[in-house]
Amino acid sequence: VMWWWFFSSSSFYGDFNLCDTINGEDREYYINMYQHLPTTPLAVYKLIQGKRYFYVLYNKQGKKIWHSPYYAYESDHLITDFVLPTKNSNSFKYYDEEWKTVDITNQIN
């Protein structure tokens, strides 16, 4: 289990595996879509299935606010299944087989 944690394919990200960026409507937050790297047998299997992406939410200063779960491997259609927070709402919503809501108040204060 420790090996999987330290070498999770979503632990490594940057410009080298950035695929897309979506800005919130008031541009206070944005979400980046990154491609998983083939660092584990599970990652290779998921990449072959076409589930190649994970997501990271940032504020406009570039501070990381939220990271999709390390075990999450998503298709590219999920990039449209987000409701990004705004100045007036600290609620971040995403779809992962059902709509989930994350209160980001603690991450931004």
PDB file of N, CA and C in Angstrom:
ATOM      1  N   VAL A   1       0.830  -1.195   0.000  1.00  0.00           N
ATOM      2  CA  VAL A   1       0.000   0.000   0.000  1.00  0.00           C
ATOM      3  C   VAL A   1       0.872   1.254   0.000  1.00  0.00           C
ATOM      4  N   MET A   2       1.947   1.259   0.757  1.00  0.00           N
ATOM      5  CA  MET A   2       2.821   2.442   0.812  1.00  0.00           C
ATOM      6  C   MET A   2       3.440   2.726  -0.553  1.00  0.00           C
ATOM      7  N   TRP A   3       3.811   1.683  -1.280  1.00  0.00           N
ATOM      8  CA  TRP A   3       4.396   1.880  -2.605  1.00  0.00           C
ATOM      9  C   TRP A   3       3.397   2.592  -3.508  1.00  0.00           C
ATOM     10  N   TRP A   4       2.125   2.146  -3.456  1.00  0.00           N
ATOM     11  CA  TRP A   4       1.097   2.766  -4.272  1.00  0.00           C
ATOM     12  C   TRP A   4       0.914   4.228  -3.887  1.00  0.00           C
ATOM     13  N   TRP A   5       0.962   4.537  -2.592  1.00  0.00           N
ATOM     14  CA  TRP A   5       0.768   5.909  -2.122  1.00  0.00           C
ATOM     15  C   TRP A   5       1.871   6.824  -2.627  1.00  0.00           C
ATOM     16  N   PHE A   6       3.119   6.385  -2.490  1.00  0.00           N
ATOM     17  CA  PHE A   6       4.234   7.243  -2.870  1.00  0.00           C
ATOM     18  C   PHE A   6       4.408   7.361  -4.372  1.00  0.00           C
ATOM     19  N   PHE A   7       3.952   6.396  -5.124  1.00  0.00           N
ATOM     20  CA  PHE A   7       4.128   6.424  -6.567  1.00  0.00           C
ATOM     21  C   PHE A   7       2.804   6.502  -7.311  1.00  0.00           C
ATOM     22  N   SER A   8       1.784   7.019  -6.645  1.00  0.00           N
ATOM     23  CA  SER A   8       0.501   7.198  -7.310  1.00  0.00           C
ATOM     24  C   SER A   8       0.714   8.027  -8.567  1.00  0.00           C
ATOM     25  N   SER A   9       0.061   7.609  -9.633  1.00  0.00           N
ATOM     26  CA  SER A   9       0.271   8.293 -10.908  1.00  0.00           C
ATOM     27  C   SER A   9      -0.273   9.709 -10.916  1.00  0.00           C
ATOM     28  N   SER A  10      -1.061  10.084  -9.918  1.00  0.00           N
ATOM     29  CA  SER A  10      -1.526  11.470  -9.853  1.00  0.00           C
ATOM     30  C   SER A  10      -0.719  12.296  -8.849  1.00  0.00           C
ATOM     31  N   SER A  11       0.365  11.732  -8.344  1.00  0.00           N
ATOM     32  CA  SER A  11       1.241  12.480  -7.434  1.00  0.00           C
ATOM     33  C   SER A  11       2.163  13.420  -8.191  1.00  0.00           C
ATOM     34  N   PHE A  12       2.379  13.134  -9.460  1.00  0.00           N
ATOM     35  CA  PHE A  12       3.313  13.907 -10.267  1.00  0.00           C
ATOM     36  C   PHE A  12       2.532  14.680 -11.321  1.00  0.00           C
ATOM     37  N   TYR A  13       2.597  15.994 -11.259  1.00  0.00           N
ATOM     38  CA  TYR A  13       1.895  16.780 -12.264  1.00  0.00           C
ATOM     39  C   TYR A  13       2.547  18.143 -12.415  1.00  0.00           C
ATOM     40  N   GLY A  14       2.353  18.692 -13.586  1.00  0.00           N
ATOM     41  CA  GLY A  14       2.905  19.995 -13.937  1.00  0.00           C
ATOM     42  C   GLY A  14       2.616  20.273 -15.395  1.00  0.00           C
ATOM     43  N   ASP A  15       3.353  21.189 -15.984  1.00  0.00           N
ATOM     44  CA  ASP A  15       3.137  21.521 -17.389  1.00  0.00           C
ATOM     45  C   ASP A  15       3.349  20.320 -18.305  1.00  0.00           C
ATOM     46  N   PHE A  16       4.185  19.359 -17.885  1.00  0.00           N
ATOM     47  CA  PHE A  16       4.509  18.210 -18.725  1.00  0.00           C
ATOM     48  C   PHE A  16       3.320  17.264 -18.938  1.00  0.00           C
ATOM     49  N   ASN A  17       2.324  17.264 -18.061  1.00  0.00           N
ATOM     50  CA  ASN A  17       1.158  16.405 -18.283  1.00  0.00           C
ATOM     51  C   ASN A  17      -0.172  17.164 -18.170  1.00  0.00           C
ATOM     52  N   LEU A  18      -0.109  18.491 -18.288  1.00  0.00           N
ATOM     53  CA  LEU A  18      -1.315  19.326 -18.289  1.00  0.00           C
ATOM     54  C   LEU A  18      -2.034  19.170 -19.625  1.00  0.00           C
ATOM     55  N   CYS A  19      -3.332  18.880 -19.568  1.00  0.00           N
ATOM     56  CA  CYS A  19      -4.119  18.676 -20.788  1.00  0.00           C
ATOM     57  C   CYS A  19      -5.103  19.804 -21.068  1.00  0.00           C
ATOM     58  N   ASP A  20      -5.687  20.384 -20.023  1.00  0.00           N
ATOM     59  CA  ASP A  20      -6.705  21.412 -20.230  1.00  0.00           C
ATOM     60  C   ASP A  20      -6.878  22.226 -18.953  1.00  0.00           C
ATOM     61  N   THR A  21      -7.378  23.447 -19.107  1.00  0.00           N
ATOM     62  CA  THR A  21      -7.685  24.330 -17.984  1.00  0.00           C
ATOM     63  C   THR A  21      -9.062  24.926 -18.206  1.00  0.00           C
ATOM     64  N   ILE A  22      -9.879  24.906 -17.169  1.00  0.00           N
ATOM     65  CA  ILE A  22     -11.206  25.519 -17.218  1.00  0.00           C
ATOM     66  C   ILE A  22     -11.265  26.585 -16.128  1.00  0.00           C
ATOM     67  N   ASN A  23     -11.621  27.813 -16.509  1.00  0.00           N
ATOM     68  CA  ASN A  23     -11.750  28.915 -15.556  1.00  0.00           C
ATOM     69  C   ASN A  23     -13.182  29.018 -15.057  1.00  0.00           C
ATOM     70  N   GLY A  24     -13.328  29.392 -13.778  1.00  0.00           N
ATOM     71  CA  GLY A  24     -14.649  29.657 -13.222  1.00  0.00           C
ATOM     72  C   GLY A  24     -15.232  30.905 -13.852  1.00  0.00           C
ATOM     73  N   GLU A  25     -16.532  31.086 -13.691  1.00  0.00           N
ATOM     74  CA  GLU A  25     -17.188  32.208 -14.366  1.00  0.00           C
ATOM     75  C   GLU A  25     -16.683  33.564 -13.900  1.00  0.00           C
ATOM     76  N   ASP A  26     -16.258  33.704 -12.646  1.00  0.00           N
ATOM     77  CA  ASP A  26     -15.699  34.986 -12.204  1.00  0.00           C
ATOM     78  C   ASP A  26     -14.166  34.949 -12.134  1.00  0.00           C
ATOM     79  N   ARG A  27     -13.567  33.869 -12.612  1.00  0.00           N
ATOM     80  CA  ARG A  27     -12.115  33.687 -12.724  1.00  0.00           C
ATOM     81  C   ARG A  27     -11.399  33.715 -11.370  1.00  0.00           C
ATOM     82  N   GLU A  28     -12.135  33.459 -10.286  1.00  0.00           N
ATOM     83  CA  GLU A  28     -11.516  33.356  -8.959  1.00  0.00           C
ATOM     84  C   GLU A  28     -10.832  32.003  -8.782  1.00  0.00           C
ATOM     85  N   TYR A  29     -11.337  30.992  -9.491  1.00  0.00           N
ATOM     86  CA  TYR A  29     -10.811  29.632  -9.399  1.00  0.00           C
ATOM     87  C   TYR A  29     -10.696  29.048 -10.795  1.00  0.00           C
ATOM     88  N   TYR A  30      -9.803  28.089 -10.936  1.00  0.00           N
ATOM     89  CA  TYR A  30      -9.701  27.335 -12.179  1.00  0.00           C
ATOM     90  C   TYR A  30      -9.330  25.901 -11.852  1.00  0.00           C
ATOM     91  N   ILE A  31      -9.661  25.027 -12.779  1.00  0.00           N
ATOM     92  CA  ILE A  31      -9.350  23.612 -12.582  1.00  0.00           C
ATOM     93  C   ILE A  31      -8.501  23.129 -13.749  1.00  0.00           C
ATOM     94  N   ASN A  32      -7.435  22.421 -13.427  1.00  0.00           N
ATOM     95  CA  ASN A  32      -6.562  21.844 -14.443  1.00  0.00           C
ATOM     96  C   ASN A  32      -6.840  20.356 -14.571  1.00  0.00           C
ATOM     97  N   MET A  33      -6.834  19.888 -15.801  1.00  0.00           N
ATOM     98  CA  MET A  33      -6.964  18.465 -16.090  1.00  0.00           C
ATOM     99  C   MET A  33      -5.573  17.958 -16.465  1.00  0.00           C
ATOM    100  N   TYR A  34      -5.087  16.975 -15.726  1.00  0.00           N
ATOM    101  CA  TYR A  34      -3.774  16.386 -15.964  1.00  0.00           C
ATOM    102  C   TYR A  34      -3.937  14.935 -16.394  1.00  0.00           C
ATOM    103  N   GLN A  35      -2.973  14.454 -17.183  1.00  0.00           N
ATOM    104  CA  GLN A  35      -2.982  13.049 -17.576  1.00  0.00           C
ATOM    105  C   GLN A  35      -2.152  12.235 -16.589  1.00  0.00           C
ATOM    106  N   HIS A  36      -2.724  11.105 -16.147  1.00  0.00           N
ATOM    107  CA  HIS A  36      -1.988  10.183 -15.279  1.00  0.00           C
ATOM    108  C   HIS A  36      -0.725   9.706 -15.988  1.00  0.00           C
ATOM    109  N   LEU A  37       0.290   9.419 -15.219  1.00  0.00           N
ATOM    110  CA  LEU A  37       1.518   8.840 -15.747  1.00  0.00           C
ATOM    111  C   LEU A  37       1.501   7.332 -15.487  1.00  0.00           C
ATOM    112  N   PRO A  38       2.132   6.534 -16.344  1.00  0.00           N
ATOM    113  CA  PRO A  38       2.118   5.075 -16.174  1.00  0.00           C
ATOM    114  C   PRO A  38       3.122   4.613 -15.115  1.00  0.00           C
ATOM    115  N   THR A  39       2.902   4.999 -13.865  1.00  0.00           N
ATOM    116  CA  THR A  39       3.859   4.702 -12.794  1.00  0.00           C
ATOM    117  C   THR A  39       3.536   3.427 -12.021  1.00  0.00           C
ATOM    118  N   THR A  40       2.330   2.887 -12.196  1.00  0.00           N
ATOM    119  CA  THR A  40       1.939   1.665 -11.487  1.00  0.00           C
ATOM    120  C   THR A  40       1.190   0.749 -12.457  1.00  0.00           C
ATOM    121  N   PRO A  41       1.091  -0.530 -12.149  1.00  0.00           N
ATOM    122  CA  PRO A  41       0.287  -1.415 -13.005  1.00  0.00           C
ATOM    123  C   PRO A  41      -1.168  -0.951 -13.118  1.00  0.00           C
ATOM    124  N   LEU A  42      -1.740  -0.450 -12.025  1.00  0.00           N
ATOM    125  CA  LEU A  42      -3.106   0.061 -12.078  1.00  0.00           C
ATOM    126  C   LEU A  42      -3.210   1.239 -13.045  1.00  0.00           C
ATOM    127  N   ALA A  43      -2.249   2.132 -13.007  1.00  0.00           N
ATOM    128  CA  ALA A  43      -2.273   3.292 -13.906  1.00  0.00           C
ATOM    129  C   ALA A  43      -2.208   2.851 -15.364  1.00  0.00           C
ATOM    130  N   VAL A  44      -1.357   1.892 -15.673  1.00  0.00           N
ATOM    131  CA  VAL A  44      -1.249   1.391 -17.047  1.00  0.00           C
ATOM    132  C   VAL A  44      -2.587   0.797 -17.483  1.00  0.00           C
ATOM    133  N   TYR A  45      -3.195   0.000 -16.623  1.00  0.00           N
ATOM    134  CA  TYR A  45      -4.493  -0.611 -16.927  1.00  0.00           C
ATOM    135  C   TYR A  45      -5.552   0.458 -17.184  1.00  0.00           C
ATOM    136  N   LYS A  46      -5.631   1.463 -16.329  1.00  0.00           N
ATOM    137  CA  LYS A  46      -6.628   2.527 -16.485  1.00  0.00           C
ATOM    138  C   LYS A  46      -6.362   3.361 -17.738  1.00  0.00           C
ATOM    139  N   LEU A  47      -5.095   3.607 -18.052  1.00  0.00           N
ATOM    140  CA  LEU A  47      -4.763   4.346 -19.269  1.00  0.00           C
ATOM    141  C   LEU A  47      -5.243   3.590 -20.501  1.00  0.00           C
ATOM    142  N   ILE A  48      -5.057   2.275 -20.513  1.00  0.00           N
ATOM    143  CA  ILE A  48      -5.521   1.455 -21.632  1.00  0.00           C
ATOM    144  C   ILE A  48      -7.042   1.524 -21.751  1.00  0.00           C
ATOM    145  N   GLN A  49      -7.749   1.592 -20.634  1.00  0.00           N
ATOM    146  CA  GLN A  49      -9.211   1.712 -20.629  1.00  0.00           C
ATOM    147  C   GLN A  49      -9.691   3.087 -21.093  1.00  0.00           C
ATOM    148  N   GLY A  50      -8.796   4.049 -21.199  1.00  0.00           N
ATOM    149  CA  GLY A  50      -9.187   5.397 -21.591  1.00  0.00           C
ATOM    150  C   GLY A  50      -9.482   6.311 -20.421  1.00  0.00           C
ATOM    151  N   LYS A  51      -9.283   5.823 -19.221  1.00  0.00           N
ATOM    152  CA  LYS A  51      -9.481   6.654 -18.026  1.00  0.00           C
ATOM    153  C   LYS A  51      -8.122   7.221 -17.643  1.00  0.00           C
ATOM    154  N   ARG A  52      -7.807   8.370 -18.211  1.00  0.00           N
ATOM    155  CA  ARG A  52      -6.445   8.870 -18.113  1.00  0.00           C
ATOM    156  C   ARG A  52      -6.263  10.160 -17.338  1.00  0.00           C
ATOM    157  N   TYR A  53      -7.298  10.729 -16.755  1.00  0.00           N
ATOM    158  CA  TYR A  53      -7.181  12.078 -16.218  1.00  0.00           C
ATOM    159  C   TYR A  53      -7.478  12.182 -14.723  1.00  0.00           C
ATOM    160  N   PHE A  54      -6.904  13.217 -14.121  1.00  0.00           N
ATOM    161  CA  PHE A  54      -7.251  13.631 -12.762  1.00  0.00           C
ATOM    162  C   PHE A  54      -7.258  15.151 -12.749  1.00  0.00           C
ATOM    163  N   TYR A  55      -7.810  15.736 -11.695  1.00  0.00           N
ATOM    164  CA  TYR A  55      -8.081  17.169 -11.673  1.00  0.00           C
ATOM    165  C   TYR A  55      -7.545  17.825 -10.415  1.00  0.00           C
ATOM    166  N   VAL A  56      -7.120  19.093 -10.574  1.00  0.00           N
ATOM    167  CA  VAL A  56      -6.638  19.880  -9.442  1.00  0.00           C
ATOM    168  C   VAL A  56      -7.278  21.264  -9.542  1.00  0.00           C
ATOM    169  N   LEU A  57      -7.883  21.705  -8.433  1.00  0.00           N
ATOM    170  CA  LEU A  57      -8.530  23.014  -8.352  1.00  0.00           C
ATOM    171  C   LEU A  57      -7.558  24.002  -7.719  1.00  0.00           C
ATOM    172  N   TYR A  58      -7.449  25.189  -8.318  1.00  0.00           N
ATOM    173  CA  TYR A  58      -6.570  26.252  -7.827  1.00  0.00           C
ATOM    174  C   TYR A  58      -7.363  27.540  -7.653  1.00  0.00           C
ATOM    175  N   ASN A  59      -6.864  28.433  -6.770  1.00  0.00           N
ATOM    176  CA  ASN A  59      -7.426  29.782  -6.741  1.00  0.00           C
ATOM    177  C   ASN A  59      -6.670  30.621  -7.772  1.00  0.00           C
ATOM    178  N   LYS A  60      -7.090  31.866  -7.966  1.00  0.00           N
ATOM    179  CA  LYS A  60      -6.484  32.670  -9.030  1.00  0.00           C
ATOM    180  C   LYS A  60      -5.020  33.008  -8.767  1.00  0.00           C
ATOM    181  N   GLN A  61      -4.553  32.852  -7.526  1.00  0.00           N
ATOM    182  CA  GLN A  61      -3.137  33.059  -7.212  1.00  0.00           C
ATOM    183  C   GLN A  61      -2.301  31.806  -7.491  1.00  0.00           C
ATOM    184  N   GLY A  62      -2.943  30.717  -7.866  1.00  0.00           N
ATOM    185  CA  GLY A  62      -2.236  29.483  -8.175  1.00  0.00           C
ATOM    186  C   GLY A  62      -2.064  28.543  -6.996  1.00  0.00           C
ATOM    187  N   LYS A  63      -2.715  28.831  -5.866  1.00  0.00           N
ATOM    188  CA  LYS A  63      -2.635  27.948  -4.697  1.00  0.00           C
ATOM    189  C   LYS A  63      -3.542  26.737  -4.917  1.00  0.00           C
ATOM    190  N   LYS A  64      -2.993  25.537  -4.678  1.00  0.00           N
ATOM    191  CA  LYS A  64      -3.785  24.316  -4.822  1.00  0.00           C
ATOM    192  C   LYS A  64      -4.833  24.264  -3.711  1.00  0.00           C
ATOM    193  N   ILE A  65      -6.098  24.080  -4.093  1.00  0.00           N
ATOM    194  CA  ILE A  65      -7.217  24.047  -3.164  1.00  0.00           C
ATOM    195  C   ILE A  65      -7.735  22.620  -2.980  1.00  0.00           C
ATOM    196  N   TRP A  66      -7.790  21.867  -4.067  1.00  0.00           N
ATOM    197  CA  TRP A  66      -8.367  20.521  -4.031  1.00  0.00           C
ATOM    198  C   TRP A  66      -7.695  19.671  -5.093  1.00  0.00           C
ATOM    199  N   HIS A  67      -7.546  18.397  -4.800  1.00  0.00           N
ATOM    200  CA  HIS A  67      -6.980  17.417  -5.728  1.00  0.00           C
ATOM    201  C   HIS A  67      -7.961  16.258  -5.785  1.00  0.00           C
ATOM    202  N   SER A  68      -8.264  15.774  -6.979  1.00  0.00           N
ATOM    203  CA  SER A  68      -9.156  14.613  -7.049  1.00  0.00           C
ATOM    204  C   SER A  68      -8.530  13.452  -6.279  1.00  0.00           C
ATOM    205  N   PRO A  69      -9.334  12.536  -5.778  1.00  0.00           N
ATOM    206  CA  PRO A  69      -8.771  11.427  -4.998  1.00  0.00           C
ATOM    207  C   PRO A  69      -7.676  10.698  -5.782  1.00  0.00           C
ATOM    208  N   TYR A  70      -6.661  10.231  -5.079  1.00  0.00           N
ATOM    209  CA  TYR A  70      -5.520   9.598  -5.742  1.00  0.00           C
ATOM    210  C   TYR A  70      -5.899   8.318  -6.465  1.00  0.00           C
ATOM    211  N   TYR A  71      -6.988   7.708  -6.099  1.00  0.00           N
ATOM    212  CA  TYR A  71      -7.442   6.492  -6.769  1.00  0.00           C
ATOM    213  C   TYR A  71      -8.381   6.797  -7.941  1.00  0.00           C
ATOM    214  N   ALA A  72      -8.667   8.066  -8.211  1.00  0.00           N
ATOM    215  CA  ALA A  72      -9.620   8.437  -9.258  1.00  0.00           C
ATOM    216  C   ALA A  72      -8.935   8.494 -10.620  1.00  0.00           C
ATOM    217  N   TYR A  73      -9.523   7.817 -11.569  1.00  0.00           N
ATOM    218  CA  TYR A  73      -9.083   7.844 -12.965  1.00  0.00           C
ATOM    219  C   TYR A  73     -10.313   8.188 -13.779  1.00  0.00           C
ATOM    220  N   GLU A  74     -10.290   9.329 -14.454  1.00  0.00           N
ATOM    221  CA  GLU A  74     -11.490   9.829 -15.111  1.00  0.00           C
ATOM    222  C   GLU A  74     -11.311   9.925 -16.619  1.00  0.00           C
ATOM    223  N   SER A  75     -12.445   9.877 -17.326  1.00  0.00           N
ATOM    224  CA  SER A  75     -12.458  10.120 -18.759  1.00  0.00           C
ATOM    225  C   SER A  75     -12.447  11.622 -18.993  1.00  0.00           C
ATOM    226  N   ASP A  76     -12.199  12.032 -20.231  1.00  0.00           N
ATOM    227  CA  ASP A  76     -12.119  13.468 -20.506  1.00  0.00           C
ATOM    228  C   ASP A  76     -13.475  14.159 -20.471  1.00  0.00           C
ATOM    229  N   HIS A  77     -14.587  13.416 -20.506  1.00  0.00           N
ATOM    230  CA  HIS A  77     -15.904  14.062 -20.462  1.00  0.00           C
ATOM    231  C   HIS A  77     -16.163  14.746 -19.130  1.00  0.00           C
ATOM    232  N   LEU A  78     -15.447  14.367 -18.087  1.00  0.00           N
ATOM    233  CA  LEU A  78     -15.707  14.906 -16.748  1.00  0.00           C
ATOM    234  C   LEU A  78     -15.348  16.387 -16.638  1.00  0.00           C
ATOM    235  N   ILE A  79     -14.528  16.900 -17.540  1.00  0.00           N
ATOM    236  CA  ILE A  79     -14.103  18.301 -17.444  1.00  0.00           C
ATOM    237  C   ILE A  79     -15.307  19.245 -17.497  1.00  0.00           C
ATOM    238  N   THR A  80     -16.414  18.797 -18.049  1.00  0.00           N
ATOM    239  CA  THR A  80     -17.610  19.649 -18.087  1.00  0.00           C
ATOM    240  C   THR A  80     -18.519  19.411 -16.890  1.00  0.00           C
ATOM    241  N   ASP A  81     -18.206  18.424 -16.076  1.00  0.00           N
ATOM    242  CA  ASP A  81     -19.064  18.061 -14.952  1.00  0.00           C
ATOM    243  C   ASP A  81     -18.586  18.672 -13.641  1.00  0.00           C
ATOM    244  N   PHE A  82     -18.351  19.987 -13.664  1.00  0.00           N
ATOM    245  CA  PHE A  82     -17.895  20.715 -12.488  1.00  0.00           C
ATOM    246  C   PHE A  82     -18.728  21.965 -12.301  1.00  0.00           C
ATOM    247  N   VAL A  83     -18.912  22.356 -11.060  1.00  0.00           N
ATOM    248  CA  VAL A  83     -19.429  23.681 -10.725  1.00  0.00           C
ATOM    249  C   VAL A  83     -18.351  24.291  -9.842  1.00  0.00           C
ATOM    250  N   LEU A  84     -17.608  25.231 -10.409  1.00  0.00           N
ATOM    251  CA  LEU A  84     -16.476  25.815  -9.695  1.00  0.00           C
ATOM    252  C   LEU A  84     -16.943  26.849  -8.683  1.00  0.00           C
ATOM    253  N   PRO A  85     -16.194  27.002  -7.592  1.00  0.00           N
ATOM    254  CA  PRO A  85     -16.551  28.022  -6.599  1.00  0.00           C
ATOM    255  C   PRO A  85     -16.406  29.429  -7.177  1.00  0.00           C
ATOM    256  N   THR A  86     -17.000  30.393  -6.491  1.00  0.00           N
ATOM    257  CA  THR A  86     -16.903  31.802  -6.881  1.00  0.00           C
ATOM    258  C   THR A  86     -16.578  32.622  -5.637  1.00  0.00           C
ATOM    259  N   LYS A  87     -16.471  33.939  -5.808  1.00  0.00           N
ATOM    260  CA  LYS A  87     -16.264  34.819  -4.648  1.00  0.00           C
ATOM    261  C   LYS A  87     -17.383  34.658  -3.622  1.00  0.00           C
ATOM    262  N   ASN A  88     -18.579  34.387  -4.115  1.00  0.00           N
ATOM    263  CA  ASN A  88     -19.756  34.313  -3.249  1.00  0.00           C
ATOM    264  C   ASN A  88     -20.091  32.908  -2.764  1.00  0.00           C
ATOM    265  N   SER A  89     -19.391  31.906  -3.251  1.00  0.00           N
ATOM    266  CA  SER A  89     -19.716  30.528  -2.882  1.00  0.00           C
ATOM    267  C   SER A  89     -18.441  29.716  -2.699  1.00  0.00           C
ATOM    268  N   ASN A  90     -18.285  29.101  -1.546  1.00  0.00           N
ATOM    269  CA  ASN A  90     -17.130  28.241  -1.284  1.00  0.00           C
ATOM    270  C   ASN A  90     -17.461  26.784  -1.555  1.00  0.00           C
ATOM    271  N   SER A  91     -18.423  26.554  -2.404  1.00  0.00           N
ATOM    272  CA  SER A  91     -18.865  25.206  -2.710  1.00  0.00           C
ATOM    273  C   SER A  91     -18.333  24.787  -4.077  1.00  0.00           C
ATOM    274  N   PHE A  92     -17.673  23.655  -4.110  1.00  0.00           N
ATOM    275  CA  PHE A  92     -17.150  23.075  -5.343  1.00  0.00           C
ATOM    276  C   PHE A  92     -17.895  21.767  -5.576  1.00  0.00           C
ATOM    277  N   LYS A  93     -18.490  21.615  -6.746  1.00  0.00           N
ATOM    278  CA  LYS A  93     -19.264  20.409  -7.047  1.00  0.00           C
ATOM    279  C   LYS A  93     -18.655  19.703  -8.252  1.00  0.00           C
ATOM    280  N   TYR A  94     -18.646  18.383  -8.167  1.00  0.00           N
ATOM    281  CA  TYR A  94     -18.180  17.589  -9.297  1.00  0.00           C
ATOM    282  C   TYR A  94     -18.975  16.297  -9.366  1.00  0.00           C
ATOM    283  N   TYR A  95     -18.960  15.700 -10.545  1.00  0.00           N
ATOM    284  CA  TYR A  95     -19.717  14.476 -10.760  1.00  0.00           C
ATOM    285  C   TYR A  95     -18.764  13.300 -10.825  1.00  0.00           C
ATOM    286  N   ASP A  96     -19.011  12.304  -9.964  1.00  0.00           N
ATOM    287  CA  ASP A  96     -18.232  11.067  -9.936  1.00  0.00           C
ATOM    288  C   ASP A  96     -19.213   9.937  -9.649  1.00  0.00           C
ATOM    289  N   GLU A  97     -19.949   9.535 -10.664  1.00  0.00           N
ATOM    290  CA  GLU A  97     -21.047   8.579 -10.581  1.00  0.00           C
ATOM    291  C   GLU A  97     -22.249   9.160  -9.843  1.00  0.00           C
ATOM    292  N   GLU A  98     -22.065  10.238  -9.137  1.00  0.00           N
ATOM    293  CA  GLU A  98     -23.134  11.033  -8.529  1.00  0.00           C
ATOM    294  C   GLU A  98     -22.522  12.402  -8.218  1.00  0.00           C
ATOM    295  N   TRP A  99     -23.371  13.407  -8.051  1.00  0.00           N
ATOM    296  CA  TRP A  99     -22.859  14.741  -7.740  1.00  0.00           C
ATOM    297  C   TRP A  99     -22.329  14.763  -6.315  1.00  0.00           C
ATOM    298  N   LYS A 100     -21.121  15.286  -6.158  1.00  0.00           N
ATOM    299  CA  LYS A 100     -20.508  15.434  -4.837  1.00  0.00           C
ATOM    300  C   LYS A 100     -20.182  16.902  -4.620  1.00  0.00           C
ATOM    301  N   THR A 101     -20.307  17.351  -3.393  1.00  0.00           N
ATOM    302  CA  THR A 101     -20.019  18.737  -3.051  1.00  0.00           C
ATOM    303  C   THR A 101     -18.879  18.774  -2.050  1.00  0.00           C
ATOM    304  N   VAL A 102     -17.922  19.656  -2.304  1.00  0.00           N
ATOM    305  CA  VAL A 102     -16.786  19.842  -1.406  1.00  0.00           C
ATOM    306  C   VAL A 102     -16.846  21.270  -0.893  1.00  0.00           C
ATOM    307  N   ASP A 103     -16.871  21.445   0.416  1.00  0.00           N
ATOM    308  CA  ASP A 103     -16.812  22.780   1.014  1.00  0.00           C
ATOM    309  C   ASP A 103     -15.336  23.139   1.144  1.00  0.00           C
ATOM    310  N   ILE A 104     -14.894  24.152   0.418  1.00  0.00           N
ATOM    311  CA  ILE A 104     -13.468  24.501   0.394  1.00  0.00           C
ATOM    312  C   ILE A 104     -13.122  25.627   1.361  1.00  0.00           C
ATOM    313  N   THR A 105     -14.032  25.973   2.261  1.00  0.00           N
ATOM    314  CA  THR A 105     -13.800  27.080   3.192  1.00  0.00           C
ATOM    315  C   THR A 105     -12.495  26.915   3.955  1.00  0.00           C
ATOM    316  N   ASN A 106     -12.216  25.737   4.476  1.00  0.00           N
ATOM    317  CA  ASN A 106     -10.986  25.515   5.249  1.00  0.00           C
ATOM    318  C   ASN A 106      -9.727  25.628   4.396  1.00  0.00           C
ATOM    319  N   GLN A 107      -9.805  25.302   3.120  1.00  0.00           N
ATOM    320  CA  GLN A 107      -8.639  25.372   2.246  1.00  0.00           C
ATOM    321  C   GLN A 107      -8.304  26.791   1.808  1.00  0.00           C
ATOM    322  N   ILE A 108      -9.274  27.694   1.859  1.00  0.00           N
ATOM    323  CA  ILE A 108      -9.007  29.049   1.375  1.00  0.00           C
ATOM    324  C   ILE A 108      -8.737  30.030   2.502  1.00  0.00           C
ATOM    325  N   ASN A 109      -8.957  29.641   3.732  1.00  0.00           N
ATOM    326  CA  ASN A 109      -8.718  30.542   4.867  1.00  0.00           C
ATOM    327  C   ASN A 109      -7.431  30.199   5.581  1.00  0.00           C
TER     328      ASN A 109
END
